[in-house]
Amino acid sequence: MAQLREMEKEVCYILFHLNNIFSILTNVKTQNKQLKEAAYRTYVRPQVEYCSTILHPWQKHLTHRIEMVQRSAARYVQNDYLYTSSVTNMLRELKWSTLEQCRNQASLTMLHKIHNKQVNVDHSHLTTTRSNKFLIPHSKTKHHMNSFFPPAIRLWNELPTEIMDAPTVPAFASGLNKFYAF
């Protein structure tokens, strides 16, 4: 429980810091979308991805707050603050993947590396089937159920066999991009 509070504090601190950075960016008066997008990708997006991927906040309220940073940035870059405008369409137009998509791709890529012994992570507790799928480990707690392996395995088991069997990380990433249309 204490770890959870620490994670929440860290996410809140980073979000507070990002709001300060974002305030500075919005005070720069320019209509140049490329400049705005470059500023977002340089100063904001890496920290948002850190919150989303590394901290992997499975609590809905934290995930929502992190996604809202990206949605605000899409409005900023597009210079469209109308209440009736669709931020989802803005994200599509900008060709920005959602943070959930980034997190899923990162998790699947890491699981591919673990499975192919490209990183030194013990996975002897995982059982694979003949079709290269993993059995989802039993979880007694929410913390374990939402830790790295169970959600990554659920995503992995949805993949076509030809993607799971990709011999290299670039081939795997390419297969993922086609499968999910990132």
N, C-alpha and C. Protein backbone atom coordinates (compact mmCIF):
# COMPACT_ATOMS: atom_id res chain seq x y z
N MET A 1 0.82 -1.19 0.00
CA MET A 1 0.00 0.00 0.00
C MET A 1 0.87 1.26 0.00
N ALA A 2 1.95 1.23 0.74
CA ALA A 2 2.86 2.38 0.80
C ALA A 2 3.51 2.60 -0.56
N GLN A 3 3.87 1.50 -1.25
CA GLN A 3 4.46 1.62 -2.59
C GLN A 3 3.48 2.28 -3.55
N LEU A 4 2.22 1.93 -3.42
CA LEU A 4 1.18 2.49 -4.28
C LEU A 4 1.07 4.00 -4.06
N ARG A 5 1.10 4.42 -2.82
CA ARG A 5 1.04 5.85 -2.51
C ARG A 5 2.26 6.59 -3.05
N GLU A 6 3.42 5.95 -2.96
CA GLU A 6 4.64 6.55 -3.49
C GLU A 6 4.55 6.71 -5.01
N MET A 7 4.03 5.69 -5.69
CA MET A 7 3.87 5.76 -7.13
C MET A 7 2.91 6.89 -7.49
N GLU A 8 1.81 6.97 -6.76
CA GLU A 8 0.83 8.02 -7.02
C GLU A 8 1.45 9.41 -6.80
N LYS A 9 2.25 9.54 -5.74
CA LYS A 9 2.93 10.81 -5.48
C LYS A 9 3.87 11.18 -6.61
N GLU A 10 4.62 10.18 -7.11
CA GLU A 10 5.56 10.44 -8.19
C GLU A 10 4.84 10.87 -9.45
N VAL A 11 3.75 10.18 -9.80
CA VAL A 11 2.97 10.55 -10.98
C VAL A 11 2.42 11.96 -10.81
N CYS A 12 1.87 12.27 -9.65
CA CYS A 12 1.32 13.61 -9.39
C CYS A 12 2.40 14.68 -9.49
N TYR A 13 3.59 14.39 -8.96
CA TYR A 13 4.70 15.34 -9.04
C TYR A 13 5.08 15.60 -10.50
N ILE A 14 5.21 14.53 -11.28
CA ILE A 14 5.58 14.68 -12.69
C ILE A 14 4.49 15.44 -13.45
N LEU A 15 3.24 15.14 -13.16
CA LEU A 15 2.14 15.84 -13.83
C LEU A 15 2.14 17.33 -13.46
N PHE A 16 2.42 17.63 -12.20
CA PHE A 16 2.52 19.03 -11.77
C PHE A 16 3.63 19.74 -12.55
N HIS A 17 4.78 19.08 -12.64
CA HIS A 17 5.93 19.61 -13.37
C HIS A 17 5.57 19.80 -14.85
N LEU A 18 4.87 18.83 -15.45
CA LEU A 18 4.48 18.93 -16.85
C LEU A 18 3.50 20.08 -17.08
N ASN A 19 2.61 20.30 -16.14
CA ASN A 19 1.67 21.42 -16.27
C ASN A 19 2.43 22.74 -16.28
N ASN A 20 3.49 22.85 -15.49
CA ASN A 20 4.32 24.07 -15.50
C ASN A 20 5.01 24.24 -16.85
N ILE A 21 5.57 23.15 -17.38
CA ILE A 21 6.23 23.20 -18.69
C ILE A 21 5.20 23.57 -19.75
N PHE A 22 4.04 22.95 -19.67
CA PHE A 22 2.99 23.19 -20.65
C PHE A 22 2.51 24.64 -20.60
N SER A 23 2.45 25.22 -19.41
CA SER A 23 2.08 26.63 -19.27
C SER A 23 3.07 27.53 -20.00
N ILE A 24 4.34 27.20 -19.88
CA ILE A 24 5.38 27.98 -20.57
C ILE A 24 5.21 27.85 -22.08
N LEU A 25 4.98 26.61 -22.55
CA LEU A 25 4.82 26.38 -23.98
C LEU A 25 3.62 27.14 -24.55
N THR A 26 2.51 27.12 -23.82
CA THR A 26 1.31 27.79 -24.33
C THR A 26 1.46 29.30 -24.34
N ASN A 27 2.39 29.84 -23.57
CA ASN A 27 2.63 31.28 -23.59
C ASN A 27 3.50 31.72 -24.77
N VAL A 28 4.12 30.75 -25.44
CA VAL A 28 4.88 31.08 -26.65
C VAL A 28 3.86 31.24 -27.77
N LYS A 29 3.74 32.43 -28.27
CA LYS A 29 2.72 32.74 -29.27
C LYS A 29 3.23 32.42 -30.67
N THR A 30 2.82 31.29 -31.19
CA THR A 30 3.16 30.90 -32.55
C THR A 30 2.03 30.06 -33.11
N GLN A 31 1.84 30.13 -34.41
CA GLN A 31 0.84 29.31 -35.09
C GLN A 31 1.49 28.12 -35.80
N ASN A 32 2.80 28.03 -35.72
CA ASN A 32 3.55 26.99 -36.41
C ASN A 32 3.33 25.64 -35.72
N LYS A 33 2.56 24.76 -36.38
CA LYS A 33 2.22 23.46 -35.79
C LYS A 33 3.46 22.57 -35.61
N GLN A 34 4.39 22.64 -36.57
CA GLN A 34 5.60 21.81 -36.47
C GLN A 34 6.43 22.21 -35.26
N LEU A 35 6.52 23.51 -35.01
CA LEU A 35 7.27 23.99 -33.85
C LEU A 35 6.59 23.56 -32.55
N LYS A 36 5.28 23.69 -32.51
CA LYS A 36 4.53 23.28 -31.31
C LYS A 36 4.68 21.78 -31.06
N GLU A 37 4.58 21.00 -32.13
CA GLU A 37 4.70 19.54 -31.98
C GLU A 37 6.11 19.16 -31.54
N ALA A 38 7.11 19.82 -32.10
CA ALA A 38 8.50 19.54 -31.71
C ALA A 38 8.71 19.88 -30.23
N ALA A 39 8.14 20.98 -29.77
CA ALA A 39 8.26 21.35 -28.35
C ALA A 39 7.59 20.31 -27.47
N TYR A 40 6.41 19.85 -27.88
CA TYR A 40 5.71 18.81 -27.11
C TYR A 40 6.54 17.52 -27.06
N ARG A 41 7.01 17.09 -28.23
CA ARG A 41 7.78 15.83 -28.29
C ARG A 41 9.10 15.92 -27.52
N THR A 42 9.65 17.12 -27.41
CA THR A 42 10.92 17.30 -26.71
C THR A 42 10.76 17.44 -25.20
N TYR A 43 9.83 18.26 -24.77
CA TYR A 43 9.74 18.62 -23.35
C TYR A 43 8.67 17.88 -22.56
N VAL A 44 7.63 17.43 -23.23
CA VAL A 44 6.50 16.86 -22.51
C VAL A 44 6.36 15.35 -22.75
N ARG A 45 6.34 14.93 -23.99
CA ARG A 45 6.05 13.54 -24.33
C ARG A 45 6.96 12.53 -23.62
N PRO A 46 8.29 12.75 -23.54
CA PRO A 46 9.12 11.74 -22.86
C PRO A 46 8.70 11.50 -21.41
N GLN A 47 8.33 12.55 -20.71
CA GLN A 47 7.92 12.39 -19.31
C GLN A 47 6.55 11.75 -19.20
N VAL A 48 5.68 12.05 -20.14
CA VAL A 48 4.35 11.43 -20.15
C VAL A 48 4.50 9.93 -20.42
N GLU A 49 5.37 9.59 -21.37
CA GLU A 49 5.60 8.16 -21.66
C GLU A 49 6.25 7.47 -20.46
N TYR A 50 7.13 8.17 -19.76
CA TYR A 50 7.72 7.60 -18.54
C TYR A 50 6.62 7.25 -17.54
N CYS A 51 5.73 8.21 -17.29
CA CYS A 51 4.62 7.95 -16.35
C CYS A 51 3.79 6.78 -16.82
N SER A 52 3.51 6.76 -18.11
CA SER A 52 2.62 5.76 -18.66
C SER A 52 3.24 4.37 -18.71
N THR A 53 4.49 4.29 -19.14
CA THR A 53 5.12 2.99 -19.36
C THR A 53 5.83 2.45 -18.12
N ILE A 54 6.72 3.22 -17.54
CA ILE A 54 7.53 2.73 -16.44
C ILE A 54 6.70 2.57 -15.17
N LEU A 55 5.94 3.60 -14.84
CA LEU A 55 5.13 3.52 -13.62
C LEU A 55 3.89 2.67 -13.83
N HIS A 56 3.47 2.55 -15.09
CA HIS A 56 2.32 1.72 -15.46
C HIS A 56 1.18 1.86 -14.43
N PRO A 57 0.62 3.06 -14.33
CA PRO A 57 -0.44 3.26 -13.34
C PRO A 57 -1.74 2.58 -13.77
N TRP A 58 -2.06 1.48 -13.13
CA TRP A 58 -3.26 0.75 -13.50
C TRP A 58 -4.49 1.33 -12.83
N GLN A 59 -4.29 2.30 -11.97
CA GLN A 59 -5.45 2.95 -11.37
C GLN A 59 -6.04 3.91 -12.40
N LYS A 60 -7.33 3.82 -12.61
CA LYS A 60 -8.01 4.59 -13.65
C LYS A 60 -7.77 6.09 -13.54
N HIS A 61 -7.83 6.64 -12.33
CA HIS A 61 -7.70 8.09 -12.20
C HIS A 61 -6.31 8.58 -12.60
N LEU A 62 -5.27 7.79 -12.36
CA LEU A 62 -3.92 8.20 -12.77
C LEU A 62 -3.75 8.07 -14.28
N THR A 63 -4.24 6.99 -14.84
CA THR A 63 -4.16 6.79 -16.28
C THR A 63 -4.89 7.92 -17.00
N HIS A 64 -6.06 8.28 -16.50
CA HIS A 64 -6.85 9.36 -17.11
C HIS A 64 -6.08 10.69 -17.06
N ARG A 65 -5.47 10.99 -15.93
CA ARG A 65 -4.73 12.25 -15.79
C ARG A 65 -3.54 12.31 -16.75
N ILE A 66 -2.88 11.18 -16.93
CA ILE A 66 -1.74 11.14 -17.85
C ILE A 66 -2.21 11.32 -19.30
N GLU A 67 -3.29 10.63 -19.67
CA GLU A 67 -3.83 10.77 -21.03
C GLU A 67 -4.30 12.20 -21.29
N MET A 68 -4.81 12.87 -20.27
CA MET A 68 -5.30 14.24 -20.45
C MET A 68 -4.18 15.21 -20.83
N VAL A 69 -2.96 14.93 -20.40
CA VAL A 69 -1.83 15.78 -20.80
C VAL A 69 -1.66 15.71 -22.31
N GLN A 70 -1.70 14.50 -22.85
CA GLN A 70 -1.54 14.35 -24.30
C GLN A 70 -2.71 14.99 -25.04
N ARG A 71 -3.91 14.82 -24.52
CA ARG A 71 -5.09 15.40 -25.18
C ARG A 71 -5.00 16.93 -25.17
N SER A 72 -4.52 17.51 -24.08
CA SER A 72 -4.33 18.97 -24.02
C SER A 72 -3.28 19.41 -25.04
N ALA A 73 -2.24 18.62 -25.18
CA ALA A 73 -1.18 18.94 -26.13
C ALA A 73 -1.70 18.90 -27.57
N ALA A 74 -2.60 17.96 -27.86
CA ALA A 74 -3.17 17.89 -29.20
C ALA A 74 -3.96 19.16 -29.50
N ARG A 75 -4.72 19.63 -28.53
CA ARG A 75 -5.46 20.89 -28.71
C ARG A 75 -4.49 22.05 -28.94
N TYR A 76 -3.41 22.07 -28.16
CA TYR A 76 -2.39 23.13 -28.26
C TYR A 76 -1.75 23.12 -29.65
N VAL A 77 -1.31 21.96 -30.11
CA VAL A 77 -0.64 21.86 -31.40
C VAL A 77 -1.59 22.24 -32.53
N GLN A 78 -2.82 21.77 -32.45
CA GLN A 78 -3.81 22.05 -33.50
C GLN A 78 -4.42 23.45 -33.35
N ASN A 79 -4.14 24.11 -32.23
CA ASN A 79 -4.70 25.42 -31.92
C ASN A 79 -6.23 25.40 -32.02
N ASP A 80 -6.81 24.34 -31.46
CA ASP A 80 -8.26 24.15 -31.51
C ASP A 80 -8.77 23.87 -30.10
N TYR A 81 -9.37 24.87 -29.50
CA TYR A 81 -9.84 24.75 -28.13
C TYR A 81 -11.37 24.72 -28.05
N LEU A 82 -12.02 24.50 -29.19
CA LEU A 82 -13.48 24.47 -29.19
C LEU A 82 -13.99 23.25 -28.44
N TYR A 83 -15.01 23.46 -27.65
CA TYR A 83 -15.59 22.37 -26.85
C TYR A 83 -16.14 21.26 -27.76
N THR A 84 -16.62 21.64 -28.94
CA THR A 84 -17.24 20.67 -29.85
C THR A 84 -16.23 19.91 -30.70
N SER A 85 -14.97 20.29 -30.65
CA SER A 85 -13.94 19.62 -31.45
C SER A 85 -13.57 18.28 -30.84
N SER A 86 -13.33 17.31 -31.70
CA SER A 86 -12.98 15.97 -31.26
C SER A 86 -11.46 15.84 -31.10
N VAL A 87 -11.03 15.61 -29.87
CA VAL A 87 -9.60 15.44 -29.61
C VAL A 87 -9.12 14.12 -30.22
N THR A 88 -9.97 13.12 -30.24
CA THR A 88 -9.61 11.84 -30.85
C THR A 88 -9.26 12.05 -32.32
N ASN A 89 -10.05 12.86 -33.02
CA ASN A 89 -9.74 13.17 -34.43
C ASN A 89 -8.44 13.95 -34.55
N MET A 90 -8.19 14.85 -33.59
CA MET A 90 -6.92 15.60 -33.60
C MET A 90 -5.74 14.64 -33.46
N LEU A 91 -5.86 13.69 -32.54
CA LEU A 91 -4.78 12.72 -32.32
C LEU A 91 -4.54 11.91 -33.60
N ARG A 92 -5.63 11.52 -34.27
CA ARG A 92 -5.50 10.78 -35.53
C ARG A 92 -4.82 11.63 -36.59
N GLU A 93 -5.24 12.88 -36.69
CA GLU A 93 -4.67 13.80 -37.67
C GLU A 93 -3.17 14.01 -37.42
N LEU A 94 -2.79 14.11 -36.16
CA LEU A 94 -1.39 14.28 -35.80
C LEU A 94 -0.60 12.97 -35.90
N LYS A 95 -1.32 11.86 -36.06
CA LYS A 95 -0.73 10.51 -36.11
C LYS A 95 0.00 10.18 -34.80
N TRP A 96 -0.59 10.61 -33.68
CA TRP A 96 -0.05 10.29 -32.37
C TRP A 96 -0.76 9.05 -31.85
N SER A 97 0.00 8.06 -31.46
CA SER A 97 -0.62 6.89 -30.83
C SER A 97 -0.99 7.26 -29.40
N THR A 98 -1.97 6.55 -28.87
CA THR A 98 -2.35 6.81 -27.48
C THR A 98 -1.24 6.28 -26.57
N LEU A 99 -1.23 6.76 -25.37
CA LEU A 99 -0.23 6.29 -24.41
C LEU A 99 -0.45 4.82 -24.08
N GLU A 100 -1.69 4.38 -24.10
CA GLU A 100 -1.98 2.96 -23.88
C GLU A 100 -1.36 2.12 -24.98
N GLN A 101 -1.45 2.59 -26.23
CA GLN A 101 -0.83 1.86 -27.35
C GLN A 101 0.69 1.79 -27.18
N CYS A 102 1.28 2.92 -26.78
CA CYS A 102 2.75 2.94 -26.55
C CYS A 102 3.13 1.96 -25.44
N ARG A 103 2.34 1.96 -24.36
CA ARG A 103 2.61 1.08 -23.22
C ARG A 103 2.48 -0.38 -23.66
N ASN A 104 1.43 -0.68 -24.42
CA ASN A 104 1.23 -2.06 -24.88
C ASN A 104 2.36 -2.51 -25.80
N GLN A 105 2.77 -1.62 -26.70
CA GLN A 105 3.86 -1.98 -27.61
C GLN A 105 5.16 -2.20 -26.82
N ALA A 106 5.43 -1.34 -25.85
CA ALA A 106 6.64 -1.50 -25.04
C ALA A 106 6.60 -2.80 -24.24
N SER A 107 5.44 -3.12 -23.67
CA SER A 107 5.31 -4.37 -22.90
C SER A 107 5.49 -5.59 -23.78
N LEU A 108 4.88 -5.57 -24.95
CA LEU A 108 5.00 -6.72 -25.86
C LEU A 108 6.43 -6.87 -26.38
N THR A 109 7.09 -5.76 -26.65
CA THR A 109 8.48 -5.83 -27.12
C THR A 109 9.37 -6.39 -26.02
N MET A 110 9.16 -5.96 -24.79
CA MET A 110 9.95 -6.49 -23.68
C MET A 110 9.67 -7.99 -23.49
N LEU A 111 8.42 -8.40 -23.58
CA LEU A 111 8.09 -9.83 -23.44
C LEU A 111 8.74 -10.63 -24.57
N HIS A 112 8.78 -10.09 -25.77
CA HIS A 112 9.45 -10.76 -26.90
C HIS A 112 10.93 -10.93 -26.59
N LYS A 113 11.56 -9.88 -26.05
CA LYS A 113 12.99 -9.96 -25.70
C LYS A 113 13.22 -10.98 -24.58
N ILE A 114 12.33 -11.00 -23.59
CA ILE A 114 12.45 -11.96 -22.49
C ILE A 114 12.30 -13.38 -23.03
N HIS A 115 11.29 -13.59 -23.84
CA HIS A 115 10.99 -14.91 -24.40
C HIS A 115 12.15 -15.43 -25.25
N ASN A 116 12.81 -14.52 -25.96
CA ASN A 116 13.92 -14.92 -26.83
C ASN A 116 15.28 -14.77 -26.17
N LYS A 117 15.29 -14.59 -24.84
CA LYS A 117 16.50 -14.51 -24.04
C LYS A 117 17.45 -13.40 -24.52
N GLN A 118 16.87 -12.28 -24.93
CA GLN A 118 17.67 -11.13 -25.34
C GLN A 118 17.91 -10.18 -24.17
N VAL A 119 17.17 -10.38 -23.09
CA VAL A 119 17.41 -9.66 -21.84
C VAL A 119 17.43 -10.70 -20.73
N ASN A 120 18.18 -10.41 -19.70
CA ASN A 120 18.36 -11.38 -18.62
C ASN A 120 17.28 -11.20 -17.55
N VAL A 121 16.09 -11.72 -17.86
CA VAL A 121 14.99 -11.69 -16.91
C VAL A 121 14.50 -13.13 -16.74
N ASP A 122 14.45 -13.56 -15.50
CA ASP A 122 14.00 -14.92 -15.22
C ASP A 122 12.52 -15.05 -15.56
N HIS A 123 12.24 -15.97 -16.46
CA HIS A 123 10.84 -16.23 -16.80
C HIS A 123 10.54 -17.73 -16.70
N SER A 124 11.30 -18.40 -15.87
CA SER A 124 11.12 -19.85 -15.71
C SER A 124 9.77 -20.19 -15.09
N HIS A 125 9.14 -19.22 -14.42
CA HIS A 125 7.84 -19.45 -13.80
C HIS A 125 6.71 -19.38 -14.82
N LEU A 126 7.03 -19.02 -16.06
CA LEU A 126 6.01 -18.93 -17.11
C LEU A 126 5.98 -20.21 -17.93
N THR A 127 4.79 -20.61 -18.32
CA THR A 127 4.61 -21.82 -19.10
C THR A 127 4.08 -21.45 -20.47
N THR A 128 4.73 -22.00 -21.52
CA THR A 128 4.25 -21.75 -22.88
C THR A 128 3.55 -22.97 -23.42
N THR A 129 2.63 -22.72 -24.35
CA THR A 129 1.93 -23.82 -25.03
C THR A 129 2.66 -24.11 -26.34
N ARG A 130 2.17 -25.09 -27.08
CA ARG A 130 2.81 -25.43 -28.35
C ARG A 130 2.73 -24.28 -29.36
N SER A 131 1.71 -23.44 -29.24
CA SER A 131 1.54 -22.34 -30.20
C SER A 131 2.24 -21.07 -29.73
N ASN A 132 3.21 -21.21 -28.81
CA ASN A 132 4.01 -20.08 -28.32
C ASN A 132 3.23 -19.10 -27.47
N LYS A 133 2.07 -19.49 -27.01
CA LYS A 133 1.29 -18.63 -26.11
C LYS A 133 1.70 -18.96 -24.68
N PHE A 134 1.52 -18.01 -23.79
CA PHE A 134 1.85 -18.22 -22.39
C PHE A 134 0.57 -18.49 -21.61
N LEU A 135 0.68 -19.32 -20.58
CA LEU A 135 -0.42 -19.46 -19.64
C LEU A 135 -0.35 -18.28 -18.68
N ILE A 136 -1.48 -17.65 -18.43
CA ILE A 136 -1.50 -16.48 -17.55
C ILE A 136 -1.30 -16.95 -16.11
N PRO A 137 -0.29 -16.41 -15.43
CA PRO A 137 -0.05 -16.85 -14.05
C PRO A 137 -1.22 -16.45 -13.14
N HIS A 138 -1.49 -17.30 -12.17
CA HIS A 138 -2.54 -17.03 -11.20
C HIS A 138 -2.14 -15.86 -10.32
N SER A 139 -3.07 -14.96 -10.10
CA SER A 139 -2.80 -13.77 -9.27
C SER A 139 -3.71 -13.77 -8.06
N LYS A 140 -3.11 -13.61 -6.88
CA LYS A 140 -3.89 -13.53 -5.65
C LYS A 140 -4.15 -12.08 -5.26
N THR A 141 -3.35 -11.15 -5.79
CA THR A 141 -3.51 -9.75 -5.40
C THR A 141 -3.66 -8.88 -6.65
N LYS A 142 -4.24 -7.70 -6.45
CA LYS A 142 -4.37 -6.74 -7.56
C LYS A 142 -3.00 -6.28 -8.03
N HIS A 143 -2.07 -6.14 -7.09
CA HIS A 143 -0.72 -5.69 -7.46
C HIS A 143 -0.08 -6.66 -8.43
N HIS A 144 -0.18 -7.96 -8.16
CA HIS A 144 0.40 -8.94 -9.07
C HIS A 144 -0.38 -9.00 -10.38
N MET A 145 -1.69 -8.97 -10.28
CA MET A 145 -2.53 -9.04 -11.47
C MET A 145 -2.23 -7.90 -12.44
N ASN A 146 -1.82 -6.74 -11.91
CA ASN A 146 -1.54 -5.58 -12.74
C ASN A 146 -0.05 -5.30 -12.89
N SER A 147 0.79 -6.24 -12.45
CA SER A 147 2.23 -6.08 -12.64
C SER A 147 2.56 -6.39 -14.10
N PHE A 148 3.80 -6.50 -14.44
CA PHE A 148 4.20 -6.63 -15.85
C PHE A 148 3.64 -7.87 -16.55
N PHE A 149 3.88 -9.07 -15.99
CA PHE A 149 3.61 -10.28 -16.75
C PHE A 149 2.15 -10.56 -17.08
N PRO A 150 1.20 -10.56 -16.14
CA PRO A 150 -0.17 -10.93 -16.53
C PRO A 150 -0.77 -10.06 -17.65
N PRO A 151 -0.71 -8.72 -17.58
CA PRO A 151 -1.27 -7.95 -18.69
C PRO A 151 -0.51 -8.14 -20.01
N ALA A 152 0.83 -8.23 -19.92
CA ALA A 152 1.64 -8.42 -21.14
C ALA A 152 1.31 -9.77 -21.78
N ILE A 153 1.10 -10.79 -20.97
CA ILE A 153 0.76 -12.12 -21.50
C ILE A 153 -0.61 -12.11 -22.17
N ARG A 154 -1.56 -11.39 -21.57
CA ARG A 154 -2.89 -11.29 -22.20
C ARG A 154 -2.77 -10.68 -23.60
N LEU A 155 -1.97 -9.62 -23.72
CA LEU A 155 -1.76 -8.99 -25.02
C LEU A 155 -1.02 -9.93 -25.97
N TRP A 156 0.00 -10.61 -25.46
CA TRP A 156 0.81 -11.53 -26.26
C TRP A 156 -0.07 -12.64 -26.84
N ASN A 157 -0.93 -13.19 -26.04
CA ASN A 157 -1.77 -14.31 -26.48
C ASN A 157 -2.77 -13.91 -27.56
N GLU A 158 -3.00 -12.62 -27.74
CA GLU A 158 -3.90 -12.13 -28.80
C GLU A 158 -3.19 -12.00 -30.14
N LEU A 159 -1.86 -12.03 -30.12
CA LEU A 159 -1.08 -11.83 -31.35
C LEU A 159 -1.13 -13.05 -32.25
N PRO A 160 -1.08 -12.83 -33.57
CA PRO A 160 -0.94 -13.96 -34.50
C PRO A 160 0.42 -14.64 -34.30
N THR A 161 0.48 -15.91 -34.57
CA THR A 161 1.70 -16.70 -34.37
C THR A 161 2.89 -16.13 -35.14
N GLU A 162 2.66 -15.64 -36.36
CA GLU A 162 3.79 -15.13 -37.16
C GLU A 162 4.45 -13.92 -36.52
N ILE A 163 3.70 -13.14 -35.74
CA ILE A 163 4.31 -12.02 -35.03
C ILE A 163 5.09 -12.53 -33.82
N MET A 164 4.49 -13.46 -33.06
CA MET A 164 5.17 -14.03 -31.89
C MET A 164 6.50 -14.67 -32.29
N ASP A 165 6.52 -15.30 -33.45
CA ASP A 165 7.70 -16.03 -33.91
C ASP A 165 8.72 -15.17 -34.64
N ALA A 166 8.52 -13.87 -34.68
CA ALA A 166 9.45 -12.98 -35.38
C ALA A 166 10.86 -13.19 -34.83
N PRO A 167 11.85 -13.35 -35.71
CA PRO A 167 13.19 -13.69 -35.25
C PRO A 167 13.96 -12.52 -34.61
N THR A 168 13.60 -11.28 -34.97
CA THR A 168 14.33 -10.13 -34.45
C THR A 168 13.34 -9.12 -33.86
N VAL A 169 13.87 -8.22 -33.05
CA VAL A 169 13.02 -7.17 -32.46
C VAL A 169 12.46 -6.25 -33.55
N PRO A 170 13.28 -5.81 -34.53
CA PRO A 170 12.68 -4.96 -35.58
C PRO A 170 11.56 -5.67 -36.36
N ALA A 171 11.73 -6.95 -36.63
CA ALA A 171 10.68 -7.70 -37.33
C ALA A 171 9.43 -7.80 -36.45
N PHE A 172 9.63 -8.01 -35.16
CA PHE A 172 8.52 -8.07 -34.21
C PHE A 172 7.80 -6.72 -34.15
N ALA A 173 8.56 -5.63 -34.04
CA ALA A 173 7.97 -4.29 -33.98
C ALA A 173 7.20 -3.97 -35.25
N SER A 174 7.73 -4.36 -36.38
CA SER A 174 7.06 -4.14 -37.65
C SER A 174 5.73 -4.91 -37.70
N GLY A 175 5.77 -6.15 -37.22
CA GLY A 175 4.54 -6.95 -37.15
C GLY A 175 3.51 -6.33 -36.23
N LEU A 176 3.97 -5.81 -35.08
CA LEU A 176 3.07 -5.14 -34.14
C LEU A 176 2.44 -3.91 -34.77
N ASN A 177 3.26 -3.12 -35.46
CA ASN A 177 2.74 -1.90 -36.11
C ASN A 177 1.64 -2.23 -37.10
N LYS A 178 1.83 -3.31 -37.86
CA LYS A 178 0.80 -3.71 -38.83
C LYS A 178 -0.43 -4.26 -38.13
N PHE A 179 -0.21 -5.06 -37.10
CA PHE A 179 -1.33 -5.68 -36.38
C PHE A 179 -2.20 -4.65 -35.68
N TYR A 180 -1.56 -3.72 -35.00
CA TYR A 180 -2.30 -2.71 -34.25
C TYR A 180 -2.52 -1.42 -35.04
N ALA A 181 -1.87 -1.31 -36.20
CA ALA A 181 -1.93 -0.10 -37.02
C ALA A 181 -1.56 1.12 -36.18
N PHE A 182 -0.41 1.03 -35.47
CA PHE A 182 0.10 2.14 -34.65
C PHE A 182 0.41 3.31 -35.55
